C-alpha atoms as a PDB file:
ATOM      1  CA  MET A   1     105.426  91.333 100.830  1.00  0.00           C
ATOM      2  CA  GLU A   2     104.117  94.853 100.191  1.00  0.00           C
ATOM      3  CA  ILE A   3     106.092  97.651 101.845  1.00  0.00           C
ATOM      4  CA  LYS A   4     104.990 101.287 101.732  1.00  0.00           C
ATOM      5  CA  ILE A   5     107.916 103.685 101.328  1.00  0.00           C
ATOM      6  CA  ILE A   6     107.363 107.240 102.609  1.00  0.00           C
ATOM      7  CA  GLU A   7     109.843 110.085 102.086  1.00  0.00           C
ATOM      8  CA  LYS A   8     109.918 112.623 104.928  1.00  0.00           C
ATOM      9  CA  LYS A   9     112.049 115.397 106.345  1.00  0.00           C
ATOM     10  CA  ILE A  10     113.810 113.071 108.771  1.00  0.00           C
ATOM     11  CA  LYS A  11     117.422 112.045 109.398  1.00  0.00           C
ATOM     12  CA  ASN A  12     117.033 108.319 110.031  1.00  0.00           C
ATOM     13  CA  PHE A  13     115.040 105.398 108.650  1.00  0.00           C
ATOM     14  CA  ASN A  14     111.865 104.506 110.546  1.00  0.00           C
ATOM     15  CA  LEU A  15     110.532 100.987 109.959  1.00  0.00           C
ATOM     16  CA  ARG A  16     107.109 100.056 111.369  1.00  0.00           C
ATOM     17  CA  VAL A  17     104.991  96.914 111.259  1.00  0.00           C
ATOM     18  CA  ALA A  18     101.410  97.288 112.498  1.00  0.00           C
ATOM     19  CA  ASN A  19      98.052  95.680 111.685  1.00  0.00           C
ATOM     20  CA  GLY A  20      99.648  93.538 108.995  1.00  0.00           C
ATOM     21  CA  GLU A  21     101.134  96.561 107.170  1.00  0.00           C
ATOM     22  CA  VAL A  22     104.791  97.424 106.685  1.00  0.00           C
ATOM     23  CA  LYS A  23     105.790 101.078 106.363  1.00  0.00           C
ATOM     24  CA  LEU A  24     109.266 102.533 105.959  1.00  0.00           C
ATOM     25  CA  SER A  25     109.883 106.260 106.334  1.00  0.00           C
ATOM     26  CA  VAL A  26     113.124 107.456 104.741  1.00  0.00           C
ATOM     27  CA  PRO A  27     114.884 110.831 104.433  1.00  0.00           C
ATOM     28  CA  LEU A  28     113.990 112.880 101.374  1.00  0.00           C
ATOM     29  CA  GLY A  29     116.037 111.954  98.320  1.00  0.00           C
ATOM     30  CA  THR A  30     117.234 108.575  99.620  1.00  0.00           C
ATOM     31  CA  GLU A  31     118.462 106.442  96.717  1.00  0.00           C
ATOM     32  CA  LYS A  32     116.506 103.285  95.878  1.00  0.00           C
ATOM     33  CA  ALA A  33     119.622 101.108  96.246  1.00  0.00           C
ATOM     34  CA  VAL A  34     120.074 102.330  99.830  1.00  0.00           C
ATOM     35  CA  VAL A  35     116.432 101.609 100.632  1.00  0.00           C
ATOM     36  CA  ASP A  36     116.660  98.144  99.070  1.00  0.00           C
ATOM     37  CA  ASP A  37     119.811  97.356 101.062  1.00  0.00           C
ATOM     38  CA  PHE A  38     118.116  98.432 104.309  1.00  0.00           C
ATOM     39  CA  LEU A  39     115.050  96.284 103.592  1.00  0.00           C
ATOM     40  CA  ASN A  40     117.164  93.252 102.691  1.00  0.00           C
ATOM     41  CA  ARG A  41     119.016  93.528 106.027  1.00  0.00           C
ATOM     42  CA  HIS A  42     115.720  93.801 107.934  1.00  0.00           C
ATOM     43  CA  ARG A  43     113.623  91.348 105.934  1.00  0.00           C
ATOM     44  CA  GLN A  44     113.800  88.579 108.548  1.00  0.00           C
ATOM     45  CA  TRP A  45     112.813  91.029 111.298  1.00  0.00           C
ATOM     46  CA  ILE A  46     109.830  92.147 109.212  1.00  0.00           C
ATOM     47  CA  LYS A  47     108.730  88.552 108.655  1.00  0.00           C
ATOM     48  CA  GLU A  48     108.951  87.788 112.367  1.00  0.00           C
ATOM     49  CA  LYS A  49     106.940  90.886 113.261  1.00  0.00           C
ATOM     50  CA  LEU A  50     104.238  90.054 110.741  1.00  0.00           C
ATOM     51  CA  PHE A  51     104.181  86.468 111.942  1.00  0.00           C
ATOM     52  CA  ALA A  52     103.907  87.459 115.596  1.00  0.00           C
ATOM     53  CA  GLN A  53     100.905  89.686 115.042  1.00  0.00           C
ATOM     54  CA  LYS A  54      97.702  87.800 115.684  1.00  0.00           C
ATOM     55  CA  ARG A  55      95.394  87.202 112.789  1.00  0.00           C
ATOM     56  CA  ILE A  56      92.548  88.716 114.797  1.00  0.00           C
ATOM     57  CA  VAL A  57      91.195  91.463 112.551  1.00  0.00           C
ATOM     58  CA  ASP A  58      89.459  93.234 115.407  1.00  0.00           C
ATOM     59  CA  GLU A  59      87.903  92.164 118.670  1.00  0.00           C
ATOM     60  CA  ASN A  60      84.789  90.897 116.869  1.00  0.00           C
ATOM     61  CA  SER A  61      86.307  88.764 114.090  1.00  0.00           C
ATOM     62  CA  PHE A  62      89.188  86.455 113.184  1.00  0.00           C
ATOM     63  CA  TYR A  63      90.415  84.371 110.259  1.00  0.00           C
ATOM     64  CA  LEU A  64      89.744  80.651 110.023  1.00  0.00           C
ATOM     65  CA  LEU A  65      91.173  78.773 107.029  1.00  0.00           C
ATOM     66  CA  GLY A  66      91.663  82.118 105.320  1.00  0.00           C
ATOM     67  CA  GLN A  67      88.063  83.243 105.785  1.00  0.00           C
ATOM     68  CA  LYS A  68      86.854  85.969 108.122  1.00  0.00           C
ATOM     69  CA  LYS A  69      84.613  84.670 110.929  1.00  0.00           C
ATOM     70  CA  ALA A  70      82.654  86.475 113.633  1.00  0.00           C
ATOM     71  CA  ILE A  71      83.285  86.311 117.372  1.00  0.00           C
ATOM     72  CA  ASN A  72      80.410  86.352 119.842  1.00  0.00           C
ATOM     73  CA  TYR A  73      81.369  86.903 123.467  1.00  0.00           C
ATOM     74  CA  LEU A  74      79.540  84.905 126.137  1.00  0.00           C
ATOM     75  CA  VAL A  75      78.721  85.921 129.681  1.00  0.00           C
ATOM     76  CA  GLU A  76      79.078  82.334 130.892  1.00  0.00           C
ATOM     77  CA  ASN A  77      82.510  81.240 132.072  1.00  0.00           C
ATOM     78  CA  ASP A  78      84.805  78.839 130.184  1.00  0.00           C
ATOM     79  CA  GLN A  79      82.537  78.331 127.167  1.00  0.00           C
ATOM     80  CA  CYS A  80      83.761  78.011 123.586  1.00  0.00           C
ATOM     81  CA  TYR A  81      82.010  76.573 120.527  1.00  0.00           C
ATOM     82  CA  PHE A  82      81.947  77.212 116.790  1.00  0.00           C
ATOM     83  CA  LYS A  83      78.605  77.075 114.975  1.00  0.00           C
ATOM     84  CA  ASN A  84      77.214  78.647 111.800  1.00  0.00           C
ATOM     85  CA  ASP A  85      80.525  80.441 111.108  1.00  0.00           C
ATOM     86  CA  VAL A  86      80.452  82.159 114.507  1.00  0.00           C
ATOM     87  CA  LEU A  87      82.865  81.499 117.360  1.00  0.00           C
ATOM     88  CA  SER A  88      81.025  81.888 120.665  1.00  0.00           C
ATOM     89  CA  ILE A  89      83.532  82.233 123.464  1.00  0.00           C
ATOM     90  CA  SER A  90      83.721  83.467 127.054  1.00  0.00           C
ATOM     91  CA  LYS A  91      85.509  86.764 127.483  1.00  0.00           C
ATOM     92  CA  ASN A  92      87.053  85.585 130.712  1.00  0.00           C
ATOM     93  CA  ASN A  93      90.015  83.289 130.069  1.00  0.00           C
ATOM     94  CA  PHE A  94      89.767  84.158 126.344  1.00  0.00           C
ATOM     95  CA  GLU A  95      93.420  83.470 125.467  1.00  0.00           C
ATOM     96  CA  LYS A  96      93.406  79.922 126.839  1.00  0.00           C
ATOM     97  CA  LEU A  97      89.995  79.074 125.354  1.00  0.00           C
ATOM     98  CA  PHE A  98      90.957  80.482 121.962  1.00  0.00           C
ATOM     99  CA  GLU A  99      94.260  78.611 121.920  1.00  0.00           C
ATOM    100  CA  ASN A 100      92.470  75.343 122.767  1.00  0.00           C
ATOM    101  CA  PHE A 101      89.958  76.028 119.989  1.00  0.00           C
ATOM    102  CA  LYS A 102      92.734  76.539 117.425  1.00  0.00           C
ATOM    103  CA  ILE A 103      94.406  73.288 118.420  1.00  0.00           C
ATOM    104  CA  GLU A 104      91.239  71.199 118.493  1.00  0.00           C
ATOM    105  CA  TYR A 105      89.799  72.606 115.257  1.00  0.00           C
ATOM    106  CA  GLY A 106      93.112  72.331 113.457  1.00  0.00           C
ATOM    107  CA  SER A 107      93.928  68.793 114.595  1.00  0.00           C
ATOM    108  CA  ALA A 108      91.259  67.108 112.472  1.00  0.00           C
ATOM    109  CA  ILE A 109      92.369  69.014 109.371  1.00  0.00           C
ATOM    110  CA  TYR A 110      96.079  68.470 109.922  1.00  0.00           C
ATOM    111  CA  LEU A 111      95.706  64.752 110.609  1.00  0.00           C
ATOM    112  CA  LYS A 112      93.766  64.262 107.373  1.00  0.00           C
ATOM    113  CA  LEU A 113      96.408  66.111 105.352  1.00  0.00           C
ATOM    114  CA  LEU A 114      99.228  64.317 107.143  1.00  0.00           C
ATOM    115  CA  ASP A 115      97.693  60.989 106.200  1.00  0.00           C
ATOM    116  CA  GLU A 116      97.332  62.119 102.583  1.00  0.00           C
ATOM    117  CA  TYR A 117     100.968  63.178 102.220  1.00  0.00           C
ATOM    118  CA  LEU A 118     102.347  60.257 104.178  1.00  0.00           C
ATOM    119  CA  LYS A 119     100.674  57.944 101.693  1.00  0.00           C
ATOM    120  CA  LEU A 120     101.897  60.031  98.753  1.00  0.00           C
ATOM    121  CA  PHE A 121     105.473  59.942 100.070  1.00  0.00           C
ATOM    122  CA  LYS A 122     105.143  56.267 101.102  1.00  0.00           C
ATOM    123  CA  GLU A 123     105.977  57.034 104.719  1.00  0.00           C
ATOM    124  CA  GLN A 124     104.823  55.465 107.977  1.00  0.00           C
ATOM    125  CA  GLN A 125     102.754  57.309 110.578  1.00  0.00           C
ATOM    126  CA  VAL A 126     104.171  60.219 112.554  1.00  0.00           C
ATOM    127  CA  GLN A 127     103.266  61.936 115.791  1.00  0.00           C
ATOM    128  CA  LEU A 128     101.594  65.344 115.481  1.00  0.00           C
ATOM    129  CA  MET A 129     102.178  68.078 118.052  1.00  0.00           C
ATOM    130  CA  ILE A 130     100.543  71.523 117.919  1.00  0.00           C
ATOM    131  CA  LYS A 131     101.554  74.606 119.891  1.00  0.00           C
ATOM    132  CA  LYS A 132     102.071  78.324 119.413  1.00  0.00           C
ATOM    133  CA  TYR A 133     105.459  79.301 117.983  1.00  0.00           C
ATOM    134  CA  LYS A 134     106.867  82.794 117.661  1.00  0.00           C
ATOM    135  CA  SER A 135     108.459  82.663 114.230  1.00  0.00           C
ATOM    136  CA  LYS A 136     107.949  79.344 112.456  1.00  0.00           C
ATOM    137  CA  TRP A 137     105.033  77.440 110.954  1.00  0.00           C
ATOM    138  CA  GLY A 138     106.325  73.976 111.697  1.00  0.00           C
ATOM    139  CA  SER A 139     109.236  71.598 112.094  1.00  0.00           C
ATOM    140  CA  CYS A 140     110.099  67.935 111.644  1.00  0.00           C
ATOM    141  CA  GLN A 141     112.082  65.762 114.052  1.00  0.00           C
ATOM    142  CA  THR A 142     113.099  63.016 111.681  1.00  0.00           C
ATOM    143  CA  ARG A 143     114.577  60.594 114.210  1.00  0.00           C
ATOM    144  CA  GLU A 144     111.572  60.777 116.556  1.00  0.00           C
ATOM    145  CA  ARG A 145     109.148  61.115 113.605  1.00  0.00           C
ATOM    146  CA  ILE A 146     107.413  64.110 115.147  1.00  0.00           C
ATOM    147  CA  ILE A 147     105.755  66.839 113.076  1.00  0.00           C
ATOM    148  CA  ARG A 148     105.235  70.062 115.010  1.00  0.00           C
ATOM    149  CA  LEU A 149     102.815  72.689 113.711  1.00  0.00           C
ATOM    150  CA  ASN A 150     102.075  76.210 114.867  1.00  0.00           C
ATOM    151  CA  SER A 151      98.556  76.572 116.289  1.00  0.00           C
ATOM    152  CA  ASN A 152      98.214  79.836 114.319  1.00  0.00           C
ATOM    153  CA  LEU A 153      98.411  77.857 111.079  1.00  0.00           C
ATOM    154  CA  ILE A 154      94.637  77.384 111.295  1.00  0.00           C
ATOM    155  CA  PHE A 155      94.223  81.063 110.370  1.00  0.00           C
ATOM    156  CA  GLU A 156      95.676  80.358 106.905  1.00  0.00           C
ATOM    157  CA  ASN A 157      93.952  78.979 103.811  1.00  0.00           C
ATOM    158  CA  ILE A 158      93.941  75.244 103.168  1.00  0.00           C
ATOM    159  CA  ASN A 159      96.434  75.393 100.296  1.00  0.00           C
ATOM    160  CA  PHE A 160      99.052  77.120 102.428  1.00  0.00           C
ATOM    161  CA  ILE A 161      98.437  74.544 105.168  1.00  0.00           C
ATOM    162  CA  ARG A 162      99.017  71.844 102.559  1.00  0.00           C
ATOM    163  CA  TYR A 163     102.325  73.450 101.669  1.00  0.00           C
ATOM    164  CA  ILE A 164     103.551  73.532 105.280  1.00  0.00           C
ATOM    165  CA  ILE A 165     102.583  69.917 105.940  1.00  0.00           C
ATOM    166  CA  ALA A 166     104.107  68.653 102.676  1.00  0.00           C
ATOM    167  CA  HIS A 167     107.242  70.697 103.393  1.00  0.00           C
ATOM    168  CA  GLU A 168     107.702  69.154 106.836  1.00  0.00           C
ATOM    169  CA  ILE A 169     106.925  65.567 105.846  1.00  0.00           C
ATOM    170  CA  ALA A 170     109.394  65.840 102.963  1.00  0.00           C
ATOM    171  CA  HIS A 171     112.140  66.181 105.571  1.00  0.00           C
ATOM    172  CA  LEU A 172     111.559  62.521 106.434  1.00  0.00           C
ATOM    173  CA  LYS A 173     112.994  61.815 102.991  1.00  0.00           C
ATOM    174  CA  VAL A 174     115.670  64.508 102.756  1.00  0.00           C
ATOM    175  CA  GLY A 175     116.988  66.528 105.684  1.00  0.00           C
ATOM    176  CA  GLY A 176     117.865  70.208 105.596  1.00  0.00           C
ATOM    177  CA  HIS A 177     117.005  72.663 102.835  1.00  0.00           C
ATOM    178  CA  SER A 178     119.574  71.692 100.236  1.00  0.00           C
ATOM    179  CA  LYS A 179     119.067  71.611  96.473  1.00  0.00           C
ATOM    180  CA  LYS A 180     118.518  67.860  96.838  1.00  0.00           C
ATOM    181  CA  TYR A 181     115.637  68.517  99.239  1.00  0.00           C
ATOM    182  CA  TYR A 182     113.906  71.000  96.954  1.00  0.00           C
ATOM    183  CA  ASP A 183     114.474  68.799  93.895  1.00  0.00           C
ATOM    184  CA  TRP A 184     112.730  65.970  95.749  1.00  0.00           C
ATOM    185  CA  LEU A 185     109.884  68.270  96.796  1.00  0.00           C
ATOM    186  CA  VAL A 186     109.388  69.576  93.231  1.00  0.00           C
ATOM    187  CA  LYS A 187     109.272  66.027  91.908  1.00  0.00           C
ATOM    188  CA  HIS A 188     106.649  64.814  94.391  1.00  0.00           C
ATOM    189  CA  VAL A 189     104.669  68.046  94.939  1.00  0.00           C
ATOM    190  CA  PRO A 190     105.015  69.900  91.613  1.00  0.00           C
ATOM    191  CA  ASN A 191     102.663  72.697  92.706  1.00  0.00           C
ATOM    192  CA  HIS A 192     104.391  73.393  96.036  1.00  0.00           C
ATOM    193  CA  ILE A 193     105.380  76.927  94.962  1.00  0.00           C
ATOM    194  CA  GLN A 194     101.761  77.768  94.119  1.00  0.00           C
ATOM    195  CA  LEU A 195     100.662  76.332  97.463  1.00  0.00           C
ATOM    196  CA  LYS A 196     103.290  78.412  99.259  1.00  0.00           C
ATOM    197  CA  ASN A 197     102.320  81.612  97.431  1.00  0.00           C
ATOM    198  CA  SER A 198      98.626  81.102  98.215  1.00  0.00           C
ATOM    199  CA  ARG A 199      99.113  82.522 101.694  1.00  0.00           C
ATOM    200  CA  ARG A 200      96.793  85.418 102.445  1.00  0.00           C
ATOM    201  CA  SER A 201      98.780  88.659 102.504  1.00  0.00           C
END
């Protein structure tokens, strides 16, 4: 996570997250240890703010599987289709149409990856549910065998999506995030750290 530190003639810290950038203004002469302590205490807040910001670059483009795609607005009502790397969508009711597009487009990809990792982990089928979450990529309900994924995951590259799906399915084997869980994940998905770090910054 890249954070731009700016020294100014101010009395208090000013932390801002906008357009995918993190900037921290600090009083002149502030010691690095003090800055580091402040950032450590606010790191979760920063992550949530970055997560909450839509991956729409501007009103005419968005990210799909980590790649920038164009948006073409239609005059017709309630229309949405993706063709030749262009999303054509009605401006009226945009939010609902765009959310439905993310879910429908992502479902085919997620189901294929779920099947791949279920076979790798020698697990039975699970139920997939997709919806927009504020501050998490996914979750696993082990007893009900339900994998929940954030609809915004479709903005990310395929390797990061692999990481999230493998991470959640692994909870069917080991609950929580203990050392035992991560040892199991390392054994069965040796490149999971590389997959995790592949996320577009």
